[in-house]
């Protein structure tokens, strides 16, 4: 197997039709490359002329260390990591491709250097991170909520909601409120509302509008984003959610700030409209899953679990030891 750096055009040509997340899409990677504090590098693994693996990383050179991240911190990219495309259905051959691709990518980015620091949050389709453990990396597990909507109708999905969630949706439907798809101006309103909520809680919101604007614009142009907004009877913006799309799934990305109108919360209605559209009018016909995120925060789990979604694991791979912890803190401070 050979692994080599490639440009975004080649990445687009070898990216498979399924099994990747929205930030693997060229339209998202190009924006990351413009805004990341470091050098975005794209690697492809080939067996002969056949592509068998892809891996995007960000390399940030510092005075005494080299930081390697996939995804980069500070840009609200939940997961990235490798995309594997083994040609054989046999488990033994799939594991061989995974092992050799991992070894070749790590050699290419020189992660065995004593000055090299590595952290990767894998996508949910990358189910076998053992080759990284065998290379002496630490391995952790995190979770997300994914609602499977394939071949389902809205009524059956709604029946699987908790009783309280169904009531929340009904109460919001009875309001003089409309939920519609918005545009870039509405994305700005969602951004400002989210940033204001962080400030109310005494937290710094790490995303700049320049980055959010570039990302949303690029993904809207390629049918990988939609803006959902709730408006009152006069058309006034109340709240909203920015949703991003891979070929397989919709991702709750930004917004959903707790908003009460006439004594009724609006978030459940927004999520319900997103779900209805995934079933009846998705931006891509292959989209059949809604990734609700929020499964690693106890406070959010109490709400997100009401949708009846599946709890799906994904993996975090990183260099071990105190040095890595200090480097992450330093890098995150630099990108804020």
Protein backbone atom coordinates (compact mmCIF):
# COMPACT_ATOMS: atom_id res chain seq x y z
CA UNK A 1 0.00 0.00 0.00
CA UNK A 2 1.15 3.52 -0.72
CA UNK A 3 -0.09 6.66 1.02
CA UNK A 4 0.44 10.06 -0.53
CA UNK A 5 -0.75 13.65 -0.08
CA UNK A 6 -3.42 14.73 -2.55
CA UNK A 7 -5.18 17.94 -3.53
CA UNK A 8 -8.84 18.71 -2.99
CA UNK A 9 -9.81 17.85 -6.60
CA UNK A 10 -8.41 14.34 -6.28
CA UNK A 11 -10.02 14.01 -2.84
CA UNK A 12 -13.39 14.80 -4.40
CA UNK A 13 -12.87 12.23 -7.16
CA UNK A 14 -12.05 9.35 -4.79
CA UNK A 15 -14.43 10.15 -1.92
CA UNK A 16 -17.00 7.31 -1.77
CA UNK A 17 -20.74 7.77 -2.11
CA UNK A 18 -21.36 6.81 1.53
CA UNK A 19 -19.61 6.27 4.83
CA UNK A 20 -18.27 9.77 5.44
CA UNK A 21 -19.41 12.79 7.44
CA UNK A 22 -20.21 16.29 6.25
CA UNK A 23 -16.78 17.74 7.11
CA UNK A 24 -15.16 15.16 4.83
CA UNK A 25 -16.98 16.82 1.93
CA UNK A 26 -14.73 18.99 -0.28
CA UNK A 27 -16.93 22.06 0.24
CA UNK A 28 -16.35 21.84 4.01
CA UNK A 29 -12.65 20.93 3.81
CA UNK A 30 -11.92 23.92 1.60
CA UNK A 31 -13.39 26.26 4.22
CA UNK A 32 -11.48 24.53 7.01
CA UNK A 33 -8.29 24.99 5.01
CA UNK A 34 -8.90 28.74 4.84
CA UNK A 35 -9.71 29.22 8.54
CA UNK A 36 -7.65 26.65 10.42
CA UNK A 37 -4.61 27.67 12.41
CA UNK A 38 -2.25 25.27 10.66
CA UNK A 39 -1.82 23.37 7.42
CA UNK A 40 -4.66 21.15 6.16
CA UNK A 41 -3.21 18.01 4.60
CA UNK A 42 -5.20 15.37 2.75
CA UNK A 43 -3.86 11.82 2.46
CA UNK A 44 -5.06 8.95 0.30
CA UNK A 45 -4.08 5.30 0.48
CA UNK A 46 -3.93 3.21 -2.69
CA UNK A 47 -3.65 -0.50 -3.35
CA UNK A 48 -2.39 -0.41 -6.90
CA UNK A 49 -4.57 2.20 -8.55
CA UNK A 50 -7.53 1.55 -6.25
CA UNK A 51 -8.16 4.04 -3.42
CA UNK A 52 -8.72 2.24 -0.10
CA UNK A 53 -8.47 5.01 2.50
CA UNK A 54 -8.64 8.77 3.06
CA UNK A 55 -7.42 10.84 5.98
CA UNK A 56 -7.56 14.63 6.54
CA UNK A 57 -5.31 16.15 9.20
CA UNK A 58 -4.29 19.62 10.32
CA UNK A 59 -0.62 20.07 11.11
CA UNK A 60 0.28 23.04 13.31
CA UNK A 61 3.95 23.82 13.80
CA UNK A 62 4.82 25.38 17.15
CA UNK A 63 8.12 26.43 18.66
CA UNK A 64 8.82 23.17 20.45
CA UNK A 65 6.26 20.78 18.99
CA UNK A 66 4.21 19.75 15.99
CA UNK A 67 0.50 19.29 16.62
CA UNK A 68 -1.54 16.97 14.40
CA UNK A 69 -5.33 17.09 14.68
CA UNK A 70 -8.29 15.53 12.89
CA UNK A 71 -10.50 17.48 13.36
CA UNK A 72 -8.90 20.78 14.38
CA UNK A 73 -10.17 22.23 17.67
CA UNK A 74 -12.07 25.49 17.90
CA UNK A 75 -14.09 25.20 14.66
CA UNK A 76 -17.07 23.12 15.85
CA UNK A 77 -16.14 20.08 13.77
CA UNK A 78 -17.48 17.22 15.88
CA UNK A 79 -15.68 14.34 14.14
CA UNK A 80 -13.36 13.67 11.22
CA UNK A 81 -10.65 10.98 11.03
CA UNK A 82 -10.19 8.25 8.41
CA UNK A 83 -12.57 7.04 5.72
CA UNK A 84 -11.88 3.45 4.71
CA UNK A 85 -12.91 1.88 1.40
CA UNK A 86 -11.84 -1.78 1.52
CA UNK A 87 -12.73 -3.66 -1.63
CA UNK A 88 -13.28 -7.05 0.00
CA UNK A 89 -16.24 -8.00 2.23
CA UNK A 90 -13.99 -10.41 4.16
CA UNK A 91 -13.17 -9.35 7.70
CA UNK A 92 -9.52 -10.45 7.47
CA UNK A 93 -8.86 -8.34 4.39
CA UNK A 94 -10.72 -5.32 5.80
CA UNK A 95 -8.61 -5.45 8.94
CA UNK A 96 -5.46 -5.75 6.85
CA UNK A 97 -6.36 -2.63 4.87
CA UNK A 98 -7.16 -0.73 8.07
CA UNK A 99 -3.91 -1.77 9.74
CA UNK A 100 -1.68 -0.99 6.80
CA UNK A 101 -3.40 2.30 6.04
CA UNK A 102 -3.04 3.40 9.65
CA UNK A 103 0.63 2.50 9.75
CA UNK A 104 1.32 4.25 6.43
CA UNK A 105 -0.52 7.46 7.37
CA UNK A 106 1.26 7.67 10.72
CA UNK A 107 4.58 7.18 9.00
CA UNK A 108 3.70 9.87 6.45
CA UNK A 109 2.92 12.46 9.10
CA UNK A 110 5.83 11.29 11.26
CA UNK A 111 3.72 10.86 14.36
CA UNK A 112 6.42 8.75 16.02
CA UNK A 113 8.64 11.84 16.43
CA UNK A 114 9.20 12.75 20.09
CA UNK A 115 8.00 16.27 19.23
CA UNK A 116 4.85 15.08 17.46
CA UNK A 117 1.47 15.34 19.23
CA UNK A 118 -1.61 13.70 17.77
CA UNK A 119 -5.35 13.83 18.49
CA UNK A 120 -8.15 12.42 16.34
CA UNK A 121 -11.91 12.18 16.86
CA UNK A 122 -13.11 9.48 14.49
CA UNK A 123 -16.33 9.52 12.53
CA UNK A 124 -19.05 7.05 13.51
CA UNK A 125 -18.45 4.78 10.50
CA UNK A 126 -14.85 4.14 11.55
CA UNK A 127 -15.54 1.18 13.81
CA UNK A 128 -12.09 -0.33 14.32
CA UNK A 129 -9.48 1.98 15.90
CA UNK A 130 -7.37 -0.92 17.22
CA UNK A 131 -4.44 -0.23 14.84
CA UNK A 132 -3.91 3.09 16.63
CA UNK A 133 -3.84 1.34 20.00
CA UNK A 134 -1.28 -1.11 18.61
CA UNK A 135 0.80 1.94 17.71
CA UNK A 136 0.73 2.98 21.41
CA UNK A 137 -1.93 5.67 21.21
CA UNK A 138 -4.53 6.17 23.91
CA UNK A 139 -8.07 5.25 22.94
CA UNK A 140 -11.33 6.64 24.34
CA UNK A 141 -15.01 6.31 23.47
CA UNK A 142 -17.66 9.00 23.10
CA UNK A 143 -21.25 8.88 21.89
CA UNK A 144 -23.86 10.56 19.74
CA UNK A 145 -27.60 10.07 19.19
CA UNK A 146 -28.57 8.97 15.68
CA UNK A 147 -32.22 8.68 14.67
CA UNK A 148 -32.71 6.15 11.86
CA UNK A 149 -35.40 7.39 9.47
CA UNK A 150 -34.87 4.97 6.59
CA UNK A 151 -38.17 3.67 5.19
CA UNK A 152 -40.14 5.26 8.02
CA UNK A 153 -43.14 7.56 7.96
CA UNK A 154 -43.56 10.61 10.21
CA UNK A 155 -46.35 9.07 12.27
CA UNK A 156 -44.30 6.02 13.26
CA UNK A 157 -41.33 8.20 14.17
CA UNK A 158 -43.47 10.48 16.30
CA UNK A 159 -44.99 7.51 18.13
CA UNK A 160 -41.50 6.55 19.28
CA UNK A 161 -40.97 9.95 20.91
CA UNK A 162 -41.44 10.15 24.65
CA UNK A 163 -44.85 11.28 25.86
CA UNK A 164 -43.47 14.63 27.02
CA UNK A 165 -41.75 15.27 23.68
CA UNK A 166 -44.95 14.56 21.74
CA UNK A 167 -46.73 17.02 24.02
CA UNK A 168 -44.03 19.65 23.44
CA UNK A 169 -44.44 19.33 19.66
CA UNK A 170 -48.25 19.50 19.86
CA UNK A 171 -48.17 22.57 22.09
CA UNK A 172 -45.81 24.36 19.73
CA UNK A 173 -47.91 23.40 16.69
CA UNK A 174 -50.88 25.10 18.33
CA UNK A 175 -49.02 28.43 18.47
CA UNK A 176 -49.22 31.11 15.80
CA UNK A 177 -45.68 30.23 14.81
CA UNK A 178 -44.30 29.07 11.49
CA UNK A 179 -41.17 27.03 10.82
CA UNK A 180 -39.57 27.56 7.45
CA UNK A 181 -36.28 27.21 5.65
CA UNK A 182 -34.24 30.36 5.83
CA UNK A 183 -31.20 31.85 4.14
CA UNK A 184 -27.76 33.18 5.01
CA UNK A 185 -29.30 36.14 6.89
CA UNK A 186 -31.16 33.71 9.11
CA UNK A 187 -27.94 31.76 9.65
CA UNK A 188 -26.46 35.01 10.97
CA UNK A 189 -29.41 35.43 13.36
CA UNK A 190 -28.89 31.87 14.64
CA UNK A 191 -25.19 32.56 15.09
CA UNK A 192 -25.78 35.79 17.03
CA UNK A 193 -28.41 34.16 19.23
CA UNK A 194 -26.06 31.28 20.02
CA UNK A 195 -23.15 33.60 20.76
CA UNK A 196 -25.32 35.72 23.05
CA UNK A 197 -26.40 32.62 24.96
CA UNK A 198 -22.78 31.67 25.56
CA UNK A 199 -22.03 35.16 26.83
CA UNK A 200 -25.00 35.00 29.21
CA UNK A 201 -23.46 31.86 30.66
CA UNK A 202 -20.06 33.52 31.03
CA UNK A 203 -18.51 31.43 28.25
CA UNK A 204 -16.57 32.49 25.19
CA UNK A 205 -18.08 31.42 21.85
CA UNK A 206 -15.13 30.21 19.78
CA UNK A 207 -16.56 30.60 16.27
CA UNK A 208 -16.18 33.76 14.21
CA UNK A 209 -18.98 34.86 11.91
CA UNK A 210 -16.48 34.93 9.03
CA UNK A 211 -15.90 31.20 9.44
CA UNK A 212 -19.57 30.31 9.98
CA UNK A 213 -20.59 32.45 7.00
CA UNK A 214 -18.03 30.86 4.67
CA UNK A 215 -18.96 27.34 5.78
CA UNK A 216 -22.72 27.81 5.56
CA UNK A 217 -22.47 29.58 2.20
CA UNK A 218 -20.28 26.83 0.74
CA UNK A 219 -22.51 24.05 2.04
CA UNK A 220 -25.74 25.76 0.97
CA UNK A 221 -24.36 25.97 -2.57
CA UNK A 222 -23.69 22.21 -2.59
CA UNK A 223 -26.97 21.11 -0.95
CA UNK A 224 -25.20 20.23 2.28
CA UNK A 225 -26.86 22.76 4.58
CA UNK A 226 -30.31 24.02 5.46
CA UNK A 227 -31.39 26.79 7.79
CA UNK A 228 -34.58 26.20 9.80
CA UNK A 229 -36.16 29.19 11.52
CA UNK A 230 -39.23 29.73 13.70
CA UNK A 231 -41.08 33.03 13.20
CA UNK A 232 -43.99 34.65 14.98
CA UNK A 233 -47.18 35.87 13.30
CA UNK A 234 -45.46 39.08 12.18
CA UNK A 235 -42.55 37.20 10.60
CA UNK A 236 -40.12 38.06 13.41
CA UNK A 237 -37.24 35.63 13.93
CA UNK A 238 -37.64 33.68 17.16
CA UNK A 239 -35.02 30.93 16.96
CA UNK A 240 -33.50 28.49 14.53
CA UNK A 241 -31.18 25.59 13.77
CA UNK A 242 -28.48 25.20 11.14
CA UNK A 243 -28.41 21.64 9.80
CA UNK A 244 -25.51 20.15 7.81
CA UNK A 245 -25.71 17.10 5.54
CA UNK A 246 -23.40 14.33 4.40
CA UNK A 247 -24.64 11.80 1.86
CA UNK A 248 -25.99 9.67 4.69
CA UNK A 249 -27.06 11.92 7.54
CA UNK A 250 -28.30 15.30 8.70
CA UNK A 251 -26.37 16.86 11.58
CA UNK A 252 -27.67 19.29 14.18
CA UNK A 253 -24.85 21.85 14.04
CA UNK A 254 -25.67 25.29 15.40
CA UNK A 255 -28.59 26.98 17.17
CA UNK A 256 -31.38 25.40 19.10
CA UNK A 257 -30.98 28.00 21.83
CA UNK A 258 -33.69 27.53 24.43
CA UNK A 259 -36.52 29.83 23.31
CA UNK A 260 -39.98 30.13 24.87
CA UNK A 261 -42.85 31.80 23.02
CA UNK A 262 -46.22 32.31 24.74
CA UNK A 263 -45.06 29.96 27.46
CA UNK A 264 -44.11 27.15 25.04
CA UNK A 265 -40.62 25.99 24.03
CA UNK A 266 -39.89 25.93 20.30
CA UNK A 267 -36.91 23.60 19.94
CA UNK A 268 -38.92 20.40 19.71
CA UNK A 269 -40.99 21.82 16.86
CA UNK A 270 -37.82 22.79 14.97
CA UNK A 271 -36.38 19.29 15.34
CA UNK A 272 -39.69 17.79 14.25
CA UNK A 273 -39.76 19.87 11.05
CA UNK A 274 -36.18 18.80 10.30
CA UNK A 275 -37.13 15.16 10.78
CA UNK A 276 -40.20 15.51 8.55
CA UNK A 277 -38.04 16.94 5.79
CA UNK A 278 -35.47 14.15 6.08
CA UNK A 279 -38.30 11.71 5.49
CA UNK A 280 -40.26 13.60 2.83
CA UNK A 281 -37.94 16.15 1.23
CA UNK A 282 -34.23 15.62 1.99
CA UNK A 283 -31.60 17.67 0.14
CA UNK A 284 -30.10 14.34 -0.97
CA UNK A 285 -32.20 11.22 -1.45
CA UNK A 286 -29.62 9.08 0.36
CA UNK A 287 -29.97 11.01 3.64
CA UNK A 288 -31.78 8.77 6.12
CA UNK A 289 -30.38 9.60 9.58
CA UNK A 290 -30.63 12.57 11.92
CA UNK A 291 -27.60 13.01 14.17
CA UNK A 292 -28.81 14.94 17.21
CA UNK A 293 -25.38 15.25 18.89
CA UNK A 294 -25.28 16.07 22.62
CA UNK A 295 -24.92 12.52 23.95
CA UNK A 296 -21.76 13.28 25.95
CA UNK A 297 -23.35 15.96 28.14
CA UNK A 298 -25.62 14.66 30.90
CA UNK A 299 -27.82 17.76 30.87
CA UNK A 300 -28.47 17.42 27.12
CA UNK A 301 -29.03 13.67 27.26
CA UNK A 302 -32.15 14.17 29.36
CA UNK A 303 -33.71 15.90 26.35
CA UNK A 304 -32.08 14.19 23.35
CA UNK A 305 -32.92 10.70 24.59
CA UNK A 306 -36.63 11.54 24.23
CA UNK A 307 -36.40 11.16 20.43
CA UNK A 308 -35.91 7.40 20.62
CA UNK A 309 -32.61 7.60 18.74
CA UNK A 310 -29.86 5.00 18.90
CA UNK A 311 -26.83 5.68 21.06
CA UNK A 312 -23.86 5.34 18.68
CA UNK A 313 -20.21 5.19 19.81
CA UNK A 314 -17.20 6.82 18.17
CA UNK A 315 -13.58 6.88 19.14
CA UNK A 316 -10.99 9.39 20.29
CA UNK A 317 -7.35 8.58 19.55
CA UNK A 318 -4.52 10.62 21.04
CA UNK A 319 -0.93 10.65 22.14
CA UNK A 320 -0.68 9.79 25.80
CA UNK A 321 0.75 11.60 28.77
CA UNK A 322 0.84 14.99 30.41
CA UNK A 323 2.66 16.59 27.47
CA UNK A 324 -0.28 15.96 25.17
CA UNK A 325 -2.70 17.50 27.67
CA UNK A 326 -0.63 20.65 27.93
CA UNK A 327 -0.25 20.89 24.16
CA UNK A 328 -4.02 20.63 23.61
CA UNK A 329 -4.65 23.43 26.08
CA UNK A 330 -2.03 25.60 24.41
CA UNK A 331 -3.41 24.98 20.93
CA UNK A 332 -7.03 25.57 21.94
CA UNK A 333 -6.01 28.89 23.50
CA UNK A 334 -4.31 29.93 20.28
CA UNK A 335 -7.34 29.20 18.07
CA UNK A 336 -9.87 31.01 20.26
